[in-house]
Protein backbone atom coordinates (compact mmCIF):
# COMPACT_ATOMS: atom_id res chain seq x y z
CA MET A 1 49.59 72.88 127.46
CA ILE A 2 51.14 73.15 124.01
CA THR A 3 48.33 73.30 121.40
CA ASP A 4 50.69 74.23 118.41
CA PRO A 5 48.91 72.16 115.59
CA ARG A 6 51.86 71.07 113.88
CA TRP A 7 53.04 69.36 117.08
CA LEU A 8 49.92 67.93 117.55
CA HIS A 9 50.17 66.41 114.31
CA LEU A 10 53.72 65.19 114.60
CA THR A 11 52.84 63.38 117.78
CA GLN A 12 49.72 61.70 116.30
CA ALA A 13 52.08 60.48 113.66
CA LEU A 14 54.65 59.32 116.08
CA GLU A 15 52.02 57.67 118.39
CA GLU A 16 51.12 55.51 115.37
CA GLN A 17 54.69 54.33 114.82
CA SER A 18 55.29 53.79 118.91
CA HIS A 19 54.61 51.02 121.31
CA ALA A 20 51.40 52.24 123.25
CA ALA A 21 52.94 51.84 126.68
CA GLU A 22 56.16 53.59 125.62
CA TYR A 23 54.52 56.38 123.99
CA ASP A 24 52.09 57.06 126.93
CA ALA A 25 55.19 57.08 129.54
CA TRP A 26 57.07 59.17 127.39
CA VAL A 27 55.70 61.45 125.14
CA ARG A 28 51.91 62.07 125.93
CA ASN A 29 52.82 64.95 128.62
CA THR A 30 55.81 66.26 126.63
CA SER A 31 56.29 69.71 126.58
CA ILE A 32 57.73 72.03 123.81
CA GLU A 33 58.90 75.25 122.99
CA ILE A 34 59.20 76.71 119.39
CA GLN A 35 61.11 79.86 118.31
CA ASN A 36 62.88 80.88 115.20
CA ASN A 37 62.83 77.53 113.52
CA LYS A 38 64.08 75.80 116.58
CA LEU A 39 61.86 73.00 118.23
CA THR A 40 62.82 72.26 121.87
CA ILE A 41 61.53 69.47 123.73
CA LEU A 42 61.62 70.19 127.52
CA ILE A 43 62.76 67.20 129.47
CA PRO A 44 62.52 66.93 133.63
CA SER A 45 66.17 65.26 133.96
CA ARG A 46 69.11 63.94 132.23
CA PHE A 47 68.32 60.71 132.76
CA PHE A 48 64.87 61.18 131.15
CA ARG A 49 66.47 62.73 128.19
CA ASP A 50 68.75 59.82 127.52
CA GLY A 51 65.92 57.31 127.70
CA PHE A 52 63.81 59.73 125.49
CA LYS A 53 66.45 60.54 123.02
CA GLN A 54 67.24 56.65 122.68
CA ARG A 55 63.52 55.76 122.13
CA PHE A 56 62.22 58.52 119.98
CA HIS A 57 64.78 60.97 118.76
CA HIS A 58 65.36 59.54 115.13
CA ALA A 59 61.63 59.02 114.45
CA ILE A 60 60.91 62.77 115.50
CA GLU A 61 63.90 63.90 113.48
CA SER A 62 62.23 62.08 110.21
CA LEU A 63 58.64 63.57 111.10
CA ILE A 64 60.05 67.15 111.61
CA PRO A 65 60.21 68.07 107.81
CA GLU A 66 56.77 66.81 107.18
CA TYR A 67 55.16 69.25 109.72
CA PHE A 68 57.35 72.05 110.25
CA PRO A 69 59.16 74.52 108.00
CA ASP A 70 62.22 73.80 106.18
CA GLY A 71 65.18 74.15 108.59
CA THR A 72 63.69 73.57 111.67
CA THR A 73 65.89 71.51 114.15
CA LEU A 74 65.35 69.60 117.23
CA HIS A 75 66.85 70.36 120.57
CA TYR A 76 66.29 69.05 124.21
CA ARG A 77 66.48 71.38 127.31
CA VAL A 78 66.29 69.89 131.07
CA LYS A 79 63.58 72.06 133.14
CA THR A 80 63.80 70.24 136.45
CA SER A 81 60.36 71.97 137.37
CA LEU A 82 58.55 69.18 135.42
CA VAL A 83 59.79 66.73 137.81
CA LYS A 84 56.65 65.14 139.61
CA ARG A 85 57.34 62.81 142.79
CA ALA A 86 56.28 59.40 141.62
CA PRO A 87 53.06 58.19 143.17
CA THR A 88 52.65 55.21 145.38
CA PRO A 89 51.83 52.17 143.06
CA THR A 90 47.97 51.59 143.20
CA ILE A 91 46.13 49.10 141.72
CA ALA A 92 44.84 50.63 138.28
CA THR A 93 41.52 49.60 136.35
CA ASN A 94 41.98 51.58 133.46
CA GLU A 95 45.36 52.84 133.37
CA GLY A 96 46.91 52.88 129.92
CA LEU A 97 43.73 51.52 128.36
CA GLU A 98 42.85 52.86 125.20
CA PRO A 99 38.93 52.50 124.70
CA ARG A 100 39.20 52.89 120.90
CA PHE A 101 40.89 49.16 120.69
CA THR A 102 38.07 46.86 121.01
CA PHE A 103 37.24 43.34 119.65
CA GLU A 104 34.75 44.92 117.39
CA ASN A 105 37.20 47.17 115.40
CA PHE A 106 39.99 44.70 115.42
CA ILE A 107 40.41 43.34 111.79
CA VAL A 108 40.30 39.53 111.69
CA GLY A 109 42.61 37.55 108.92
CA SER A 110 44.33 34.45 108.63
CA SER A 111 47.31 35.90 110.30
CA ASN A 112 45.71 36.65 113.40
CA GLU A 113 42.45 34.74 113.71
CA PHE A 114 43.92 32.24 116.18
CA CYS A 115 45.15 34.90 118.69
CA HIS A 116 41.84 36.81 118.24
CA ALA A 117 39.97 33.57 118.82
CA ALA A 118 42.14 32.96 122.15
CA SER A 119 42.19 36.46 123.36
CA LEU A 120 38.34 36.49 123.10
CA ALA A 121 37.82 33.15 125.08
CA VAL A 122 39.91 34.98 127.90
CA ALA A 123 38.20 37.97 127.89
CA GLU A 124 34.92 36.31 128.19
CA HIS A 125 35.98 33.79 130.71
CA PRO A 126 39.09 35.42 132.77
CA GLY A 127 41.13 33.00 134.83
CA MET A 128 39.14 29.94 133.60
CA ARG A 129 40.56 29.46 129.80
CA TYR A 130 44.52 29.69 128.52
CA ASN A 131 45.88 31.01 131.88
CA PRO A 132 48.66 32.34 130.99
CA LEU A 133 47.58 33.61 127.57
CA TYR A 134 51.42 34.50 125.79
CA ILE A 135 50.93 36.35 122.50
CA HIS A 136 54.38 36.86 120.83
CA GLY A 137 54.97 38.43 117.22
CA GLY A 138 56.79 41.35 115.69
CA VAL A 139 56.20 45.02 115.97
CA GLY A 140 52.91 46.78 114.83
CA LEU A 141 51.15 43.50 114.27
CA GLY A 142 48.07 44.15 116.79
CA LYS A 143 49.30 42.72 120.01
CA THR A 144 48.69 45.59 121.90
CA HIS A 145 45.25 46.05 120.39
CA LEU A 146 44.37 42.53 121.18
CA ILE A 147 45.34 42.92 124.92
CA THR A 148 43.64 46.22 125.34
CA ALA A 149 40.58 44.73 123.67
CA VAL A 150 40.72 42.07 126.36
CA ALA A 151 40.79 44.38 129.35
CA ASN A 152 38.33 46.52 127.93
CA ARG A 153 35.97 43.57 127.23
CA VAL A 154 36.37 42.38 130.76
CA LEU A 155 35.58 45.76 132.12
CA ALA A 156 32.08 45.93 130.37
CA ASN A 157 31.43 42.86 131.78
CA ASN A 158 32.48 43.71 135.29
CA PRO A 159 33.23 47.38 135.90
CA LYS A 160 34.45 46.38 139.52
CA CYS A 161 37.00 44.09 138.15
CA LYS A 162 40.66 45.06 139.01
CA ILE A 163 43.13 45.35 136.33
CA ALA A 164 47.06 45.97 136.16
CA PHE A 165 47.88 46.85 132.63
CA ARG A 166 51.48 47.42 132.50
CA SER A 167 54.56 47.14 130.03
CA GLY A 168 57.64 45.13 131.16
CA GLU A 169 59.69 48.43 131.43
CA ARG A 170 56.89 49.95 133.48
CA PHE A 171 57.00 46.54 135.69
CA THR A 172 60.93 47.15 136.46
CA ASN A 173 60.53 50.98 137.07
CA ASP A 174 57.48 50.71 139.66
CA MET A 175 60.09 47.92 141.21
CA ILE A 176 63.11 49.83 141.57
CA ASN A 177 61.03 52.92 142.41
CA ALA A 178 59.38 50.95 145.32
CA ILE A 179 62.77 49.58 146.73
CA ARG A 180 63.97 53.16 146.41
CA ASN A 181 61.09 54.66 148.57
CA GLY A 182 60.66 51.63 151.09
CA LYS A 183 57.38 50.77 149.57
CA ASN A 184 57.82 47.09 148.46
CA GLU A 185 54.48 46.05 149.98
CA ALA A 186 52.79 48.78 148.43
CA PHE A 187 54.42 47.60 144.74
CA ARG A 188 53.39 44.09 145.45
CA ALA A 189 49.79 44.58 146.29
CA SER A 190 49.63 46.69 142.93
CA TYR A 191 50.35 43.79 140.90
CA ARG A 192 49.29 40.62 143.44
CA GLU A 193 45.72 42.07 144.47
CA VAL A 194 44.20 42.30 140.89
CA ASP A 195 41.69 40.15 138.96
CA LEU A 196 43.85 40.41 135.65
CA LEU A 197 47.65 41.14 135.00
CA ILE A 198 48.54 42.56 131.59
CA LEU A 199 52.36 42.60 131.02
CA ASP A 200 52.98 44.12 127.58
CA ASP A 201 56.83 43.43 126.34
CA VAL A 202 57.55 40.84 128.68
CA GLN A 203 60.81 40.10 127.24
CA PHE A 204 62.11 43.50 128.78
CA ILE A 205 62.41 41.54 131.95
CA ALA A 206 64.72 38.87 130.70
CA GLY A 207 68.37 39.40 132.06
CA LYS A 208 67.27 41.10 134.95
CA THR A 209 67.47 39.17 138.09
CA GLY A 210 65.92 41.00 140.72
CA THR A 211 63.01 41.82 138.38
CA GLN A 212 62.50 38.25 137.13
CA GLU A 213 62.45 36.95 140.72
CA GLU A 214 59.98 39.47 142.04
CA PHE A 215 57.52 38.46 138.81
CA PHE A 216 58.22 35.04 139.47
CA HIS A 217 56.34 35.39 142.82
CA THR A 218 53.83 37.64 141.36
CA PHE A 219 52.78 35.19 138.56
CA ASP A 220 52.72 32.24 141.03
CA THR A 221 50.38 34.15 143.51
CA LEU A 222 47.99 35.28 140.72
CA HIS A 223 47.91 31.95 138.99
CA LYS A 224 47.41 29.97 142.51
CA ALA A 225 44.34 32.31 142.91
CA ASN A 226 43.09 31.43 139.28
CA LYS A 227 43.57 35.24 138.44
CA GLN A 228 44.27 35.82 134.57
CA ILE A 229 47.74 36.59 133.43
CA LEU A 230 48.07 37.99 129.88
CA LEU A 231 51.62 38.49 128.30
CA THR A 232 52.98 39.82 125.12
CA SER A 233 56.32 39.23 123.49
CA ASP A 234 58.44 39.80 120.47
CA GLN A 235 59.41 36.03 120.50
CA PRO A 236 58.15 32.86 121.98
CA PRO A 237 59.20 31.84 125.43
CA GLY A 238 61.90 29.40 124.23
CA ALA A 239 63.66 31.92 122.27
CA LEU A 240 64.09 34.91 124.87
CA LYS A 241 67.59 34.76 125.91
CA HIS A 242 68.67 35.14 129.81
CA LEU A 243 65.11 34.61 130.76
CA GLU A 244 64.95 32.22 133.81
CA GLU A 245 64.25 28.55 133.08
CA ARG A 246 61.08 28.52 135.97
CA LEU A 247 59.52 31.54 133.98
CA ARG A 248 60.14 30.22 130.74
CA SER A 249 58.23 26.87 132.00
CA ARG A 250 55.33 29.13 133.20
CA PHE A 251 54.95 31.08 130.29
CA ASN A 252 54.13 27.81 128.40
CA TRP A 253 51.62 26.45 131.15
CA GLY A 254 48.76 27.99 129.29
CA LEU A 255 48.51 28.99 125.58
CA VAL A 256 51.21 30.27 123.57
CA ALA A 257 50.08 32.11 120.27
CA ASP A 258 51.61 33.97 117.68
CA VAL A 259 50.40 36.80 115.26
CA GLN A 260 51.67 36.91 111.85
CA PRO A 261 52.08 39.83 109.30
CA PRO A 262 48.93 40.14 107.57
CA ASP A 263 47.96 39.09 104.26
CA LEU A 264 46.91 41.51 101.14
CA GLU A 265 43.17 41.22 102.05
CA THR A 266 43.55 42.09 105.60
CA ARG A 267 45.86 44.81 104.99
CA LEU A 268 43.26 45.99 102.55
CA ALA A 269 40.67 45.87 104.99
CA ILE A 270 42.69 47.41 107.69
CA LEU A 271 43.02 50.42 105.48
CA ALA A 272 39.33 50.76 105.01
CA SER A 273 38.50 50.38 108.33
CA LYS A 274 41.02 53.41 109.65
CA ALA A 275 39.90 55.75 106.60
CA GLU A 276 36.50 55.11 107.31
CA LEU A 277 37.24 56.38 111.12
CA ALA A 278 39.15 59.37 110.03
CA GLY A 279 36.50 60.18 107.59
CA LEU A 280 38.75 59.60 104.67
CA ILE A 281 37.76 58.38 101.01
CA LEU A 282 40.63 56.55 99.56
CA ALA A 283 40.45 55.54 95.83
CA PRO A 284 41.12 51.99 95.24
CA GLU A 285 44.53 52.48 93.35
CA ILE A 286 45.71 54.18 96.46
CA SER A 287 44.52 51.47 98.95
CA GLU A 288 46.15 48.68 96.88
CA LEU A 289 49.42 50.89 96.30
CA LEU A 290 49.96 50.98 100.18
CA ALA A 291 48.61 47.43 101.05
CA SER A 292 50.77 46.04 98.34
CA ARG A 293 54.13 48.03 99.46
CA ILE A 294 53.74 48.12 103.32
CA THR A 295 53.52 44.38 104.01
CA SER A 296 54.93 43.56 107.43
CA ASN A 297 53.57 45.97 109.76
CA ILE A 298 50.25 47.49 110.57
CA ARG A 299 51.44 50.08 112.58
CA GLU A 300 53.20 51.64 109.50
CA LEU A 301 50.24 51.05 107.38
CA GLU A 302 48.36 53.24 109.81
CA GLY A 303 51.27 55.72 109.94
CA ALA A 304 51.38 55.97 106.27
CA LEU A 305 47.36 57.02 106.40
CA THR A 306 48.02 59.29 108.94
CA ARG A 307 50.88 61.01 107.07
CA LEU A 308 48.73 61.34 103.95
CA SER A 309 45.77 62.72 106.10
CA ALA A 310 47.84 65.25 107.80
CA GLN A 311 49.34 66.40 104.50
CA SER A 312 45.93 66.37 102.81
CA THR A 313 44.69 68.74 105.30
CA LEU A 314 47.22 71.03 105.67
CA LEU A 315 47.81 71.56 101.87
CA ASN A 316 44.17 71.36 101.13
CA ARG A 317 44.88 68.79 98.74
CA ALA A 318 43.06 65.55 97.33
CA ILE A 319 44.67 62.28 98.55
CA ASP A 320 45.87 60.95 95.08
CA MET A 321 48.73 59.03 93.47
CA ARG A 322 50.75 61.89 93.23
CA LEU A 323 50.38 63.36 96.87
CA ALA A 324 51.02 59.39 98.12
CA LYS A 325 54.14 59.52 96.26
CA GLU A 326 55.66 62.67 97.36
CA VAL A 327 54.64 62.15 101.14
CA LEU A 328 55.66 58.38 101.35
CA PRO A 329 58.56 58.03 99.14
CA ASP A 330 60.38 56.24 101.90
CA LEU A 331 57.70 53.53 102.07
CA LEU A 332 56.34 53.28 98.56
CA ASN A 333 59.81 52.68 96.68
CA ILE A 334 61.11 50.13 98.94
CA GLN A 335 62.82 47.39 96.97
CA ILE A 336 62.32 43.91 97.93
CA LYS A 337 65.56 42.43 99.17
CA ARG A 338 66.26 38.70 97.83
CA ILE A 339 66.05 36.19 100.71
CA THR A 340 69.40 34.64 101.26
CA ILE A 341 70.31 31.23 103.06
CA GLU A 342 72.02 33.28 105.90
CA ASP A 343 68.77 35.00 106.46
CA ILE A 344 67.25 31.80 107.03
CA GLN A 345 69.88 29.99 108.88
CA GLN A 346 70.11 33.21 111.48
CA LEU A 347 66.14 33.16 111.94
CA ILE A 348 65.83 29.38 112.18
CA ALA A 349 68.71 29.66 114.79
CA GLU A 350 66.87 32.10 116.58
CA TYR A 351 63.70 30.31 116.44
CA TYR A 352 65.06 27.18 118.15
CA ASN A 353 67.35 29.19 120.57
CA LEU A 354 70.47 27.58 118.73
CA ARG A 355 73.84 28.88 117.43
CA ILE A 356 74.38 29.76 113.86
CA ASN A 357 77.16 27.22 113.89
CA ASP A 358 74.87 24.40 115.38
CA ILE A 359 72.61 24.74 112.14
CA LYS A 360 76.06 24.55 109.78
CA GLY A 361 77.85 22.13 111.63
CA ARG A 362 77.39 18.10 112.18
CA SER A 363 76.14 17.78 115.37
CA ARG A 364 73.80 14.66 115.55
CA ARG A 365 71.63 15.86 118.26
CA LYS A 366 68.27 15.61 117.74
CA ASN A 367 67.32 18.99 119.06
CA ILE A 368 70.06 20.24 115.76
CA VAL A 369 69.07 18.01 113.15
CA LEU A 370 65.81 18.83 112.65
CA PRO A 371 65.92 22.64 112.68
CA ARG A 372 68.67 22.06 110.44
CA GLN A 373 67.04 19.91 108.05
CA ILE A 374 64.17 22.52 108.29
CA ALA A 375 66.66 25.31 107.35
CA MET A 376 67.70 23.29 104.33
CA TYR A 377 64.14 22.71 103.17
CA VAL A 378 62.96 26.27 103.39
CA SER A 379 66.34 27.24 101.64
CA LYS A 380 65.20 25.09 98.71
CA ALA A 381 61.55 26.49 98.97
CA LEU A 382 62.60 30.20 99.49
CA THR A 383 65.51 30.60 97.18
CA THR A 384 66.89 29.79 93.82
CA MET A 385 69.91 28.24 94.89
CA SER A 386 70.64 24.76 93.39
CA LEU A 387 70.93 21.46 96.02
CA PRO A 388 74.67 21.69 95.80
CA GLU A 389 74.79 25.47 96.41
CA ILE A 390 72.78 24.98 99.60
CA ALA A 391 74.62 21.97 100.64
CA ASP A 392 78.05 24.07 100.48
CA ARG A 393 76.16 26.81 102.68
CA PHE A 394 75.59 24.06 105.43
CA GLY A 395 79.13 23.15 105.97
CA GLY A 396 80.21 21.93 102.48
CA ARG A 397 77.90 18.77 102.67
CA ASP A 398 77.00 16.65 99.74
CA HIS A 399 74.02 17.70 97.80
CA THR A 400 72.09 14.33 98.66
CA THR A 401 72.35 15.24 102.30
CA VAL A 402 70.03 18.47 101.32
CA LEU A 403 67.69 16.22 98.99
CA TYR A 404 67.32 14.06 102.06
CA ALA A 405 66.18 16.68 104.27
CA VAL A 406 63.87 18.47 101.72
CA ARG A 407 62.16 14.88 101.09
CA LYS A 408 61.88 14.17 104.84
CA ILE A 409 60.50 17.85 105.84
CA ALA A 410 58.09 17.24 103.18
CA GLY A 411 56.93 14.11 104.33
CA LEU A 412 56.58 15.41 108.02
CA ARG A 413 54.42 18.36 106.76
CA GLU A 414 51.95 15.81 105.27
CA GLN A 415 51.92 13.30 108.36
CA ASP A 416 52.37 16.07 111.30
CA HIS A 417 49.66 19.03 111.54
CA ASP A 418 52.01 20.68 114.20
CA ILE A 419 55.20 20.52 112.26
CA ASN A 420 53.22 21.89 109.31
CA ILE A 421 52.13 24.78 111.18
CA GLU A 422 55.31 25.38 112.57
CA ILE A 423 56.94 25.59 109.18
CA ASP A 424 54.66 27.81 107.86
CA ARG A 425 55.05 30.44 110.54
CA ILE A 426 58.91 30.03 110.09
CA ILE A 427 58.43 31.01 106.40
CA ALA A 428 55.93 33.70 107.21
CA ARG A 429 58.24 35.14 109.78
CA ILE A 430 61.40 35.05 107.28
CA LYS A 431 59.01 36.69 104.52
CA SER A 432 58.25 39.35 107.11
CA GLN A 433 61.50 40.34 107.68
CA ARG A 434 62.73 41.56 104.36
CA PRO A 435 63.39 45.07 104.61
């Protein structure tokens, strides 16, 4: 086991930026060699190397200058002696679970309080409330923390509970290995004889016919037995392209909840909590700087804190404004991009599973007209464009069409609580996607 402190610090920072399941599968047990400013990651196969590089190469390259001397280069070498025979799938009660992710240390704010409440209800009454619970949102917003907290609370209440905690990618790989090794029944048992199935990043199975077929039967088996199913994704079920309709329908059987980027107060609370856990003291101006500049991703916020902590320790320097600007120039010099009508059209088309041409076109179908009017309303709310300019971007319409849409949606927001919440979520998502 490599104990070089520089590599340990680098991988800790990498873990903060990465999806927990992917990090565990690809990085956690990686071996390295360091010689003459040459950092070599030892890989068990060419297939593994290609997958590893696709996921982590650029992230590791960007972190090397912070933790290794100038000029250190990154290399890979296949070392077949690292290959381990894949074990027969078994029911696991704690595999992939991080005990540090609990409800007690999850910072609740307006952006995530609904998801937090739903997750807590599932944890206390698995199989009885919201089955399945489907949580969706962008990267680094706390989805993995929440689902892990559910598993940890369920185990605390019932240590004999059988839990399968997997990523969509892991489910697919388990199925492929089972077919290859003739262990289909063992694979099915590992997923269908559990009390709680948690599948992180379920969007990974979309477009994979065999995987979707297998998961469909797994879902039905568990649901009929009143076993709890918990899913996460980067999009709502309706927006997942190439997902079979029968799965899309089942994902909507229970509760679909989205987690939004945290507001400033929540980001400050998260920073304070993480700093306390790390034994750090952050001056108010440092906290406010980080929280005001890093707005859409909790993982980036945690990663920035990790980088500051590592540099402070290695250089024996206090965490002050000068150090923050030296260590985090890429994050603290972010220029806010102006939201464009094209951004709005793109996101609303994706949100409602439509094409851009539908949003800009002249179809009078009800499932297209309302999203188009919402797009016009949001364009007026989030840009400085005039009504004629907005009309021109929507297929050369007359400005009175935009005015009618703006007034109609404003009225709907006052009358229809669900529509109001939906538009708030769309606006928050558009704002969060600014680089």
